[in-house]
């Protein structure tokens, strides 16, 4: 029986950059020029979750102010301030600092400590002043934006022991604390329009000054302290819990005036406080978070 040769299957030419080449890259780990594996781009969950919670509190304060529930709005700003203080410390403790986190934190601060307090004080008291009212609220909001922008650009040249101008969380606490304290005392915003105008204007302008405010960043929380320090902390918490609105507002007013007092004292001594870093200490990039 005659035999016939089998046909050979034609070879399929390999096309560079085709579909198979694209799919073959899936699952490969990217390496840099030295052959070291590169970390995939992403965001850290834990610190950014706290930043998102602070942003939510700021948005919640705006909604509550529009609904004329100013006590809820004021406490939401205070909670946002606590969360804002935690996200950076958590990022440094867990070594999860990132440029994304620094920029996200600044945007959240603008909502929680810039737009929200300005709207709360305007809806509570400044609306009746007409143009003077919304101009004071705008000065506060613009001061917070300029304060945050200057903080991000001057982080490498400013002495970390001091803030350049009043920090935006402290300014927001001053405005929210005034609303809470007056509401607790039984005053309505319509009875105190010019006091509210002065508070908003003072907080907004102080944020953009060069007056140094102590930052408490040089306090070493890992260092052992005497027993009396722990007792004083417990005593302070007990005093705040007695009547928070009447205790918190004077504290933040004192802090808002402390920068001017220190500046005037050093100026009278012939030693103005310099917030520009003069020593050779390297700048901690984690402070950007």
C-alpha atoms as a PDB file:
ATOM      1  CA  UNK A   1       0.000   0.000   0.000  1.00  0.00           C
ATOM      2  CA  UNK A   2       1.515   3.304  -1.003  1.00  0.00           C
ATOM      3  CA  UNK A   3       2.449   5.750   1.787  1.00  0.00           C
ATOM      4  CA  UNK A   4       2.244   9.506   1.522  1.00  0.00           C
ATOM      5  CA  UNK A   5       4.436  11.945   3.457  1.00  0.00           C
ATOM      6  CA  UNK A   6       2.708  13.832   6.244  1.00  0.00           C
ATOM      7  CA  UNK A   7       2.311  17.537   5.945  1.00  0.00           C
ATOM      8  CA  UNK A   8       4.212  19.592   8.441  1.00  0.00           C
ATOM      9  CA  UNK A   9       2.397  22.380  10.226  1.00  0.00           C
ATOM     10  CA  UNK A  10       3.712  25.752   9.202  1.00  0.00           C
ATOM     11  CA  UNK A  11       5.678  27.506  11.936  1.00  0.00           C
ATOM     12  CA  UNK A  12       3.884  30.444  13.506  1.00  0.00           C
ATOM     13  CA  UNK A  13       6.196  33.467  13.462  1.00  0.00           C
ATOM     14  CA  UNK A  14       6.720  35.214  16.793  1.00  0.00           C
ATOM     15  CA  UNK A  15       5.523  38.766  16.650  1.00  0.00           C
ATOM     16  CA  UNK A  16       7.193  41.121  19.071  1.00  0.00           C
ATOM     17  CA  UNK A  17       4.788  43.334  20.974  1.00  0.00           C
ATOM     18  CA  UNK A  18       1.778  41.227  20.051  1.00  0.00           C
ATOM     19  CA  UNK A  19      -1.007  39.955  22.259  1.00  0.00           C
ATOM     20  CA  UNK A  20       1.046  37.066  23.606  1.00  0.00           C
ATOM     21  CA  UNK A  21       3.901  39.403  24.468  1.00  0.00           C
ATOM     22  CA  UNK A  22       1.553  41.718  26.311  1.00  0.00           C
ATOM     23  CA  UNK A  23       0.026  38.910  28.358  1.00  0.00           C
ATOM     24  CA  UNK A  24       3.438  37.458  29.153  1.00  0.00           C
ATOM     25  CA  UNK A  25       4.271  40.590  31.177  1.00  0.00           C
ATOM     26  CA  UNK A  26       1.479  39.873  33.636  1.00  0.00           C
ATOM     27  CA  UNK A  27       2.802  38.620  36.926  1.00  0.00           C
ATOM     28  CA  UNK A  28       6.376  39.712  36.304  1.00  0.00           C
ATOM     29  CA  UNK A  29       7.959  41.782  39.050  1.00  0.00           C
ATOM     30  CA  UNK A  30       9.371  45.073  37.871  1.00  0.00           C
ATOM     31  CA  UNK A  31      13.003  45.813  38.667  1.00  0.00           C
ATOM     32  CA  UNK A  32      15.057  48.978  38.560  1.00  0.00           C
ATOM     33  CA  UNK A  33      18.345  49.609  36.732  1.00  0.00           C
ATOM     34  CA  UNK A  34      20.312  47.799  39.451  1.00  0.00           C
ATOM     35  CA  UNK A  35      18.095  44.739  39.353  1.00  0.00           C
ATOM     36  CA  UNK A  36      16.352  45.455  42.652  1.00  0.00           C
ATOM     37  CA  UNK A  37      12.598  44.768  42.781  1.00  0.00           C
ATOM     38  CA  UNK A  38      10.478  47.898  42.523  1.00  0.00           C
ATOM     39  CA  UNK A  39       7.531  48.507  44.876  1.00  0.00           C
ATOM     40  CA  UNK A  40       4.184  48.730  43.134  1.00  0.00           C
ATOM     41  CA  UNK A  41       2.444  52.075  43.289  1.00  0.00           C
ATOM     42  CA  UNK A  42      -0.321  52.366  45.854  1.00  0.00           C
ATOM     43  CA  UNK A  43      -1.446  54.187  48.973  1.00  0.00           C
ATOM     44  CA  UNK A  44      -1.102  53.206  52.598  1.00  0.00           C
ATOM     45  CA  UNK A  45      -4.421  52.314  54.168  1.00  0.00           C
ATOM     46  CA  UNK A  46      -3.997  53.111  57.877  1.00  0.00           C
ATOM     47  CA  UNK A  47      -2.867  56.772  57.899  1.00  0.00           C
ATOM     48  CA  UNK A  48      -5.044  57.712  54.939  1.00  0.00           C
ATOM     49  CA  UNK A  49      -8.056  56.139  56.664  1.00  0.00           C
ATOM     50  CA  UNK A  50      -7.598  58.614  59.536  1.00  0.00           C
ATOM     51  CA  UNK A  51      -7.247  61.455  57.028  1.00  0.00           C
ATOM     52  CA  UNK A  52     -10.453  60.360  55.317  1.00  0.00           C
ATOM     53  CA  UNK A  53     -12.233  60.284  58.669  1.00  0.00           C
ATOM     54  CA  UNK A  54     -11.053  63.835  59.379  1.00  0.00           C
ATOM     55  CA  UNK A  55     -12.282  64.908  55.947  1.00  0.00           C
ATOM     56  CA  UNK A  56     -15.652  63.328  56.676  1.00  0.00           C
ATOM     57  CA  UNK A  57     -15.896  65.265  59.957  1.00  0.00           C
ATOM     58  CA  UNK A  58     -15.233  68.509  58.103  1.00  0.00           C
ATOM     59  CA  UNK A  59     -17.890  67.737  55.524  1.00  0.00           C
ATOM     60  CA  UNK A  60     -20.283  66.703  58.281  1.00  0.00           C
ATOM     61  CA  UNK A  61     -19.695  70.054  60.023  1.00  0.00           C
ATOM     62  CA  UNK A  62     -20.645  71.881  56.819  1.00  0.00           C
ATOM     63  CA  UNK A  63     -23.850  69.863  56.465  1.00  0.00           C
ATOM     64  CA  UNK A  64     -24.786  70.413  60.108  1.00  0.00           C
ATOM     65  CA  UNK A  65     -24.175  74.168  59.773  1.00  0.00           C
ATOM     66  CA  UNK A  66     -26.497  74.289  56.766  1.00  0.00           C
ATOM     67  CA  UNK A  67     -29.110  72.491  58.872  1.00  0.00           C
ATOM     68  CA  UNK A  68     -28.678  74.994  61.761  1.00  0.00           C
ATOM     69  CA  UNK A  69     -27.282  72.335  64.101  1.00  0.00           C
ATOM     70  CA  UNK A  70     -24.223  74.256  65.184  1.00  0.00           C
ATOM     71  CA  UNK A  71     -23.310  72.203  68.256  1.00  0.00           C
ATOM     72  CA  UNK A  72     -22.934  69.099  66.101  1.00  0.00           C
ATOM     73  CA  UNK A  73     -20.854  71.115  63.632  1.00  0.00           C
ATOM     74  CA  UNK A  74     -18.555  72.416  66.355  1.00  0.00           C
ATOM     75  CA  UNK A  75     -17.888  69.004  67.851  1.00  0.00           C
ATOM     76  CA  UNK A  76     -17.261  67.556  64.381  1.00  0.00           C
ATOM     77  CA  UNK A  77     -14.474  70.117  63.891  1.00  0.00           C
ATOM     78  CA  UNK A  78     -12.912  69.138  67.227  1.00  0.00           C
ATOM     79  CA  UNK A  79     -13.034  65.449  66.269  1.00  0.00           C
ATOM     80  CA  UNK A  80     -11.415  66.295  62.934  1.00  0.00           C
ATOM     81  CA  UNK A  81      -8.636  68.061  64.842  1.00  0.00           C
ATOM     82  CA  UNK A  82      -7.972  64.935  66.911  1.00  0.00           C
ATOM     83  CA  UNK A  83      -7.910  62.718  63.828  1.00  0.00           C
ATOM     84  CA  UNK A  84      -5.612  65.144  62.037  1.00  0.00           C
ATOM     85  CA  UNK A  85      -3.160  64.891  64.909  1.00  0.00           C
ATOM     86  CA  UNK A  86      -3.226  61.100  64.785  1.00  0.00           C
ATOM     87  CA  UNK A  87      -2.738  60.414  61.069  1.00  0.00           C
ATOM     88  CA  UNK A  88       0.754  61.901  60.861  1.00  0.00           C
ATOM     89  CA  UNK A  89       1.960  60.214  64.031  1.00  0.00           C
ATOM     90  CA  UNK A  90       0.572  56.869  62.895  1.00  0.00           C
ATOM     91  CA  UNK A  91       2.325  57.272  59.544  1.00  0.00           C
ATOM     92  CA  UNK A  92       5.640  57.936  61.289  1.00  0.00           C
ATOM     93  CA  UNK A  93       5.222  55.099  63.789  1.00  0.00           C
ATOM     94  CA  UNK A  94       4.363  52.573  61.058  1.00  0.00           C
ATOM     95  CA  UNK A  95       6.848  54.022  58.524  1.00  0.00           C
ATOM     96  CA  UNK A  96       4.081  54.626  55.977  1.00  0.00           C
ATOM     97  CA  UNK A  97       4.850  58.222  55.016  1.00  0.00           C
ATOM     98  CA  UNK A  98       4.233  59.198  51.415  1.00  0.00           C
ATOM     99  CA  UNK A  99       3.931  62.287  49.268  1.00  0.00           C
ATOM    100  CA  UNK A 100       0.358  61.277  48.478  1.00  0.00           C
ATOM    101  CA  UNK A 101      -0.461  61.235  52.186  1.00  0.00           C
ATOM    102  CA  UNK A 102       1.058  64.692  52.686  1.00  0.00           C
ATOM    103  CA  UNK A 103      -0.965  66.228  49.858  1.00  0.00           C
ATOM    104  CA  UNK A 104      -4.144  64.399  50.850  1.00  0.00           C
ATOM    105  CA  UNK A 105      -3.722  65.609  54.430  1.00  0.00           C
ATOM    106  CA  UNK A 106      -3.418  69.234  53.268  1.00  0.00           C
ATOM    107  CA  UNK A 107      -6.566  68.996  51.153  1.00  0.00           C
ATOM    108  CA  UNK A 108      -8.490  67.438  54.025  1.00  0.00           C
ATOM    109  CA  UNK A 109      -7.241  70.184  56.353  1.00  0.00           C
ATOM    110  CA  UNK A 110      -8.516  72.826  53.948  1.00  0.00           C
ATOM    111  CA  UNK A 111     -12.009  71.361  54.170  1.00  0.00           C
ATOM    112  CA  UNK A 112     -12.020  70.608  57.903  1.00  0.00           C
ATOM    113  CA  UNK A 113     -10.157  73.667  59.188  1.00  0.00           C
ATOM    114  CA  UNK A 114     -10.688  76.169  56.388  1.00  0.00           C
ATOM    115  CA  UNK A 115     -14.056  75.897  54.678  1.00  0.00           C
ATOM    116  CA  UNK A 116     -16.003  74.248  57.517  1.00  0.00           C
ATOM    117  CA  UNK A 117     -15.244  76.783  60.318  1.00  0.00           C
ATOM    118  CA  UNK A 118     -15.796  79.708  57.940  1.00  0.00           C
ATOM    119  CA  UNK A 119     -19.223  78.399  56.966  1.00  0.00           C
ATOM    120  CA  UNK A 120     -20.142  77.519  60.561  1.00  0.00           C
ATOM    121  CA  UNK A 121     -19.344  80.991  61.922  1.00  0.00           C
ATOM    122  CA  UNK A 122     -21.059  82.637  58.947  1.00  0.00           C
ATOM    123  CA  UNK A 123     -24.266  80.646  59.272  1.00  0.00           C
ATOM    124  CA  UNK A 124     -24.287  81.021  63.062  1.00  0.00           C
ATOM    125  CA  UNK A 125     -23.656  84.739  63.400  1.00  0.00           C
ATOM    126  CA  UNK A 126     -22.122  86.594  60.452  1.00  0.00           C
ATOM    127  CA  UNK A 127     -25.016  86.303  58.016  1.00  0.00           C
ATOM    128  CA  UNK A 128     -26.757  89.320  59.571  1.00  0.00           C
ATOM    129  CA  UNK A 129     -23.770  91.608  58.873  1.00  0.00           C
ATOM    130  CA  UNK A 130     -24.184  91.394  55.122  1.00  0.00           C
ATOM    131  CA  UNK A 131     -20.993  92.031  53.167  1.00  0.00           C
ATOM    132  CA  UNK A 132     -18.938  92.525  56.320  1.00  0.00           C
ATOM    133  CA  UNK A 133     -20.029  89.071  57.461  1.00  0.00           C
ATOM    134  CA  UNK A 134     -19.075  87.072  54.414  1.00  0.00           C
ATOM    135  CA  UNK A 135     -15.872  89.097  53.964  1.00  0.00           C
ATOM    136  CA  UNK A 136     -14.714  88.068  57.457  1.00  0.00           C
ATOM    137  CA  UNK A 137     -15.574  84.451  56.675  1.00  0.00           C
ATOM    138  CA  UNK A 138     -13.656  84.680  53.387  1.00  0.00           C
ATOM    139  CA  UNK A 139     -10.613  86.201  55.130  1.00  0.00           C
ATOM    140  CA  UNK A 140     -10.585  83.212  57.469  1.00  0.00           C
ATOM    141  CA  UNK A 141     -10.959  80.703  54.614  1.00  0.00           C
ATOM    142  CA  UNK A 142      -8.264  82.387  52.498  1.00  0.00           C
ATOM    143  CA  UNK A 143      -5.957  82.589  55.526  1.00  0.00           C
ATOM    144  CA  UNK A 144      -6.296  78.848  56.078  1.00  0.00           C
ATOM    145  CA  UNK A 145      -5.501  78.119  52.412  1.00  0.00           C
ATOM    146  CA  UNK A 146      -2.443  80.387  52.433  1.00  0.00           C
ATOM    147  CA  UNK A 147      -1.301  78.938  55.751  1.00  0.00           C
ATOM    148  CA  UNK A 148      -1.420  75.374  54.426  1.00  0.00           C
ATOM    149  CA  UNK A 149       0.317  76.292  51.159  1.00  0.00           C
ATOM    150  CA  UNK A 150       3.104  78.102  53.013  1.00  0.00           C
ATOM    151  CA  UNK A 151       3.531  75.173  55.406  1.00  0.00           C
ATOM    152  CA  UNK A 152       4.059  72.766  52.506  1.00  0.00           C
ATOM    153  CA  UNK A 153       6.597  75.002  50.762  1.00  0.00           C
ATOM    154  CA  UNK A 154       8.569  76.103  53.859  1.00  0.00           C
ATOM    155  CA  UNK A 155       8.736  72.742  55.626  1.00  0.00           C
ATOM    156  CA  UNK A 156      12.471  72.385  54.945  1.00  0.00           C
ATOM    157  CA  UNK A 157      13.539  75.833  56.222  1.00  0.00           C
ATOM    158  CA  UNK A 158      11.291  76.448  59.241  1.00  0.00           C
ATOM    159  CA  UNK A 159      12.405  75.446  62.712  1.00  0.00           C
ATOM    160  CA  UNK A 160      10.302  72.434  63.639  1.00  0.00           C
ATOM    161  CA  UNK A 161       9.948  73.684  67.225  1.00  0.00           C
ATOM    162  CA  UNK A 162       7.668  76.498  66.026  1.00  0.00           C
ATOM    163  CA  UNK A 163       4.797  76.987  63.613  1.00  0.00           C
ATOM    164  CA  UNK A 164       4.968  79.943  61.239  1.00  0.00           C
ATOM    165  CA  UNK A 165       1.676  81.580  62.101  1.00  0.00           C
ATOM    166  CA  UNK A 166      -1.269  80.099  63.953  1.00  0.00           C
ATOM    167  CA  UNK A 167      -1.883  76.471  62.883  1.00  0.00           C
ATOM    168  CA  UNK A 168      -5.138  75.964  61.021  1.00  0.00           C
ATOM    169  CA  UNK A 169      -6.446  73.303  63.484  1.00  0.00           C
ATOM    170  CA  UNK A 170      -5.933  75.738  66.394  1.00  0.00           C
ATOM    171  CA  UNK A 171      -7.678  78.521  64.463  1.00  0.00           C
ATOM    172  CA  UNK A 172     -10.587  76.200  63.678  1.00  0.00           C
ATOM    173  CA  UNK A 173     -10.772  75.147  67.333  1.00  0.00           C
ATOM    174  CA  UNK A 174     -10.928  78.806  68.351  1.00  0.00           C
ATOM    175  CA  UNK A 175     -13.870  79.480  66.029  1.00  0.00           C
ATOM    176  CA  UNK A 176     -15.705  76.246  66.866  1.00  0.00           C
ATOM    177  CA  UNK A 177     -15.003  76.673  70.580  1.00  0.00           C
ATOM    178  CA  UNK A 178     -16.502  80.174  70.520  1.00  0.00           C
ATOM    179  CA  UNK A 179     -19.675  78.850  68.892  1.00  0.00           C
ATOM    180  CA  UNK A 180     -19.944  75.979  71.392  1.00  0.00           C
ATOM    181  CA  UNK A 181     -19.265  78.126  74.451  1.00  0.00           C
ATOM    182  CA  UNK A 182     -21.741  80.851  73.493  1.00  0.00           C
ATOM    183  CA  UNK A 183     -24.397  78.270  72.652  1.00  0.00           C
ATOM    184  CA  UNK A 184     -23.782  76.574  75.994  1.00  0.00           C
ATOM    185  CA  UNK A 185     -24.211  79.917  77.772  1.00  0.00           C
ATOM    186  CA  UNK A 186     -27.532  80.497  76.021  1.00  0.00           C
ATOM    187  CA  UNK A 187     -26.459  83.177  73.519  1.00  0.00           C
ATOM    188  CA  UNK A 188     -27.571  83.050  69.900  1.00  0.00           C
ATOM    189  CA  UNK A 189     -25.364  84.043  67.011  1.00  0.00           C
ATOM    190  CA  UNK A 190     -27.571  87.013  66.166  1.00  0.00           C
ATOM    191  CA  UNK A 191     -26.720  88.563  69.536  1.00  0.00           C
ATOM    192  CA  UNK A 192     -22.942  88.429  68.988  1.00  0.00           C
ATOM    193  CA  UNK A 193     -22.264  89.296  65.347  1.00  0.00           C
ATOM    194  CA  UNK A 194     -19.337  91.646  65.937  1.00  0.00           C
ATOM    195  CA  UNK A 195     -17.678  89.336  68.446  1.00  0.00           C
ATOM    196  CA  UNK A 196     -17.880  86.568  65.836  1.00  0.00           C
ATOM    197  CA  UNK A 197     -16.536  88.983  63.238  1.00  0.00           C
ATOM    198  CA  UNK A 198     -13.539  89.758  65.443  1.00  0.00           C
ATOM    199  CA  UNK A 199     -12.828  86.086  66.187  1.00  0.00           C
ATOM    200  CA  UNK A 200     -12.964  85.109  62.494  1.00  0.00           C
ATOM    201  CA  UNK A 201     -10.789  88.034  61.432  1.00  0.00           C
ATOM    202  CA  UNK A 202      -8.241  87.483  64.210  1.00  0.00           C
ATOM    203  CA  UNK A 203      -7.921  83.764  63.464  1.00  0.00           C
ATOM    204  CA  UNK A 204      -7.678  84.302  59.700  1.00  0.00           C
ATOM    205  CA  UNK A 205      -5.017  87.010  59.875  1.00  0.00           C
ATOM    206  CA  UNK A 206      -2.981  85.283  62.574  1.00  0.00           C
ATOM    207  CA  UNK A 207      -2.617  82.214  60.373  1.00  0.00           C
ATOM    208  CA  UNK A 208      -0.696  84.209  57.738  1.00  0.00           C
ATOM    209  CA  UNK A 209       1.573  86.140  60.107  1.00  0.00           C
ATOM    210  CA  UNK A 210       5.183  85.235  60.884  1.00  0.00           C
ATOM    211  CA  UNK A 211       4.485  85.037  64.620  1.00  0.00           C
ATOM    212  CA  UNK A 212       5.996  81.797  66.009  1.00  0.00           C
ATOM    213  CA  UNK A 213       3.731  79.384  67.850  1.00  0.00           C
ATOM    214  CA  UNK A 214       5.172  76.483  69.792  1.00  0.00           C
ATOM    215  CA  UNK A 215       4.601  73.226  67.918  1.00  0.00           C
ATOM    216  CA  UNK A 216       5.325  70.677  70.715  1.00  0.00           C
ATOM    217  CA  UNK A 217       7.169  68.572  68.104  1.00  0.00           C
ATOM    218  CA  UNK A 218      10.334  68.433  70.163  1.00  0.00           C
ATOM    219  CA  UNK A 219       8.532  66.666  73.011  1.00  0.00           C
ATOM    220  CA  UNK A 220       9.860  63.115  73.253  1.00  0.00           C
ATOM    221  CA  UNK A 221       6.939  60.851  74.126  1.00  0.00           C
ATOM    222  CA  UNK A 222       9.246  57.836  74.419  1.00  0.00           C
ATOM    223  CA  UNK A 223      11.232  59.414  77.226  1.00  0.00           C
ATOM    224  CA  UNK A 224      10.443  58.552  80.836  1.00  0.00           C
ATOM    225  CA  UNK A 225       8.785  61.317  82.862  1.00  0.00           C
ATOM    226  CA  UNK A 226       8.193  61.865  86.595  1.00  0.00           C
ATOM    227  CA  UNK A 227       5.028  60.513  88.137  1.00  0.00           C
ATOM    228  CA  UNK A 228       3.646  64.024  88.678  1.00  0.00           C
ATOM    229  CA  UNK A 229       3.426  64.532  84.894  1.00  0.00           C
ATOM    230  CA  UNK A 230       1.012  61.623  84.505  1.00  0.00           C
ATOM    231  CA  UNK A 231      -1.028  62.989  87.390  1.00  0.00           C
ATOM    232  CA  UNK A 232      -1.211  66.439  85.789  1.00  0.00           C
ATOM    233  CA  UNK A 233      -2.377  64.914  82.493  1.00  0.00           C
ATOM    234  CA  UNK A 234      -5.158  63.040  84.297  1.00  0.00           C
ATOM    235  CA  UNK A 235      -6.098  66.242  86.131  1.00  0.00           C
ATOM    236  CA  UNK A 236      -6.267  68.176  82.862  1.00  0.00           C
ATOM    237  CA  UNK A 237      -8.534  65.564  81.299  1.00  0.00           C
ATOM    238  CA  UNK A 238     -10.794  65.693  84.343  1.00  0.00           C
ATOM    239  CA  UNK A 239     -11.044  69.495  84.127  1.00  0.00           C
ATOM    240  CA  UNK A 240     -11.922  69.346  80.433  1.00  0.00           C
ATOM    241  CA  UNK A 241     -14.609  66.729  81.050  1.00  0.00           C
ATOM    242  CA  UNK A 242     -16.345  68.930  83.633  1.00  0.00           C
ATOM    243  CA  UNK A 243     -17.513  71.460  81.028  1.00  0.00           C
ATOM    244  CA  UNK A 244     -15.715  71.069  77.673  1.00  0.00           C
ATOM    245  CA  UNK A 245     -17.030  74.218  75.915  1.00  0.00           C
ATOM    246  CA  UNK A 246     -16.063  76.519  78.793  1.00  0.00           C
ATOM    247  CA  UNK A 247     -12.642  74.906  79.201  1.00  0.00           C
ATOM    248  CA  UNK A 248     -11.526  74.357  75.601  1.00  0.00           C
ATOM    249  CA  UNK A 249     -12.314  77.848  74.314  1.00  0.00           C
ATOM    250  CA  UNK A 250     -10.093  79.701  76.862  1.00  0.00           C
ATOM    251  CA  UNK A 251      -7.288  77.208  76.245  1.00  0.00           C
ATOM    252  CA  UNK A 252      -7.211  77.862  72.516  1.00  0.00           C
ATOM    253  CA  UNK A 253      -7.566  81.610  73.024  1.00  0.00           C
ATOM    254  CA  UNK A 254      -4.514  81.477  75.299  1.00  0.00           C
ATOM    255  CA  UNK A 255      -2.633  79.509  72.662  1.00  0.00           C
ATOM    256  CA  UNK A 256      -3.693  82.023  69.991  1.00  0.00           C
ATOM    257  CA  UNK A 257      -2.250  84.850  72.101  1.00  0.00           C
ATOM    258  CA  UNK A 258       0.847  82.948  73.232  1.00  0.00           C
ATOM    259  CA  UNK A 259       2.658  83.518  69.955  1.00  0.00           C
ATOM    260  CA  UNK A 260       2.300  87.285  70.225  1.00  0.00           C
ATOM    261  CA  UNK A 261       3.387  87.194  73.884  1.00  0.00           C
ATOM    262  CA  UNK A 262       6.539  85.183  73.121  1.00  0.00           C
ATOM    263  CA  UNK A 263       7.355  87.353  70.132  1.00  0.00           C
ATOM    264  CA  UNK A 264       6.955  90.588  72.123  1.00  0.00           C
ATOM    265  CA  UNK A 265       9.030  89.221  75.040  1.00  0.00           C
ATOM    266  CA  UNK A 266      11.905  88.116  72.812  1.00  0.00           C
ATOM    267  CA  UNK A 267      11.721  91.356  70.860  1.00  0.00           C
ATOM    268  CA  UNK A 268      11.971  93.378  74.093  1.00  0.00           C
ATOM    269  CA  UNK A 269      15.007  91.300  75.073  1.00  0.00           C
ATOM    270  CA  UNK A 270      16.629  92.023  71.724  1.00  0.00           C
ATOM    271  CA  UNK A 271      16.372  88.385  70.682  1.00  0.00           C
ATOM    272  CA  UNK A 272      13.573  88.017  68.133  1.00  0.00           C
ATOM    273  CA  UNK A 273      12.441  84.452  67.644  1.00  0.00           C
ATOM    274  CA  UNK A 274      13.713  83.091  64.367  1.00  0.00           C
ATOM    275  CA  UNK A 275      11.633  80.365  62.817  1.00  0.00           C
ATOM    276  CA  UNK A 276      14.271  79.690  60.170  1.00  0.00           C
ATOM    277  CA  UNK A 277      16.342  76.639  61.014  1.00  0.00           C
ATOM    278  CA  UNK A 278      19.835  77.768  61.956  1.00  0.00           C
ATOM    279  CA  UNK A 279      21.459  74.535  63.137  1.00  0.00           C
ATOM    280  CA  UNK A 280      22.797  71.684  61.047  1.00  0.00           C
ATOM    281  CA  UNK A 281      20.099  69.243  62.076  1.00  0.00           C
ATOM    282  CA  UNK A 282      18.796  67.334  59.040  1.00  0.00           C
ATOM    283  CA  UNK A 283      15.199  67.891  58.074  1.00  0.00           C
ATOM    284  CA  UNK A 284      12.907  64.984  58.851  1.00  0.00           C
ATOM    285  CA  UNK A 285      10.988  64.312  55.654  1.00  0.00           C
ATOM    286  CA  UNK A 286       8.329  62.464  57.643  1.00  0.00           C
ATOM    287  CA  UNK A 287       7.134  65.812  58.986  1.00  0.00           C
ATOM    288  CA  UNK A 288       5.503  66.347  55.593  1.00  0.00           C
ATOM    289  CA  UNK A 289       2.946  63.761  56.640  1.00  0.00           C
END
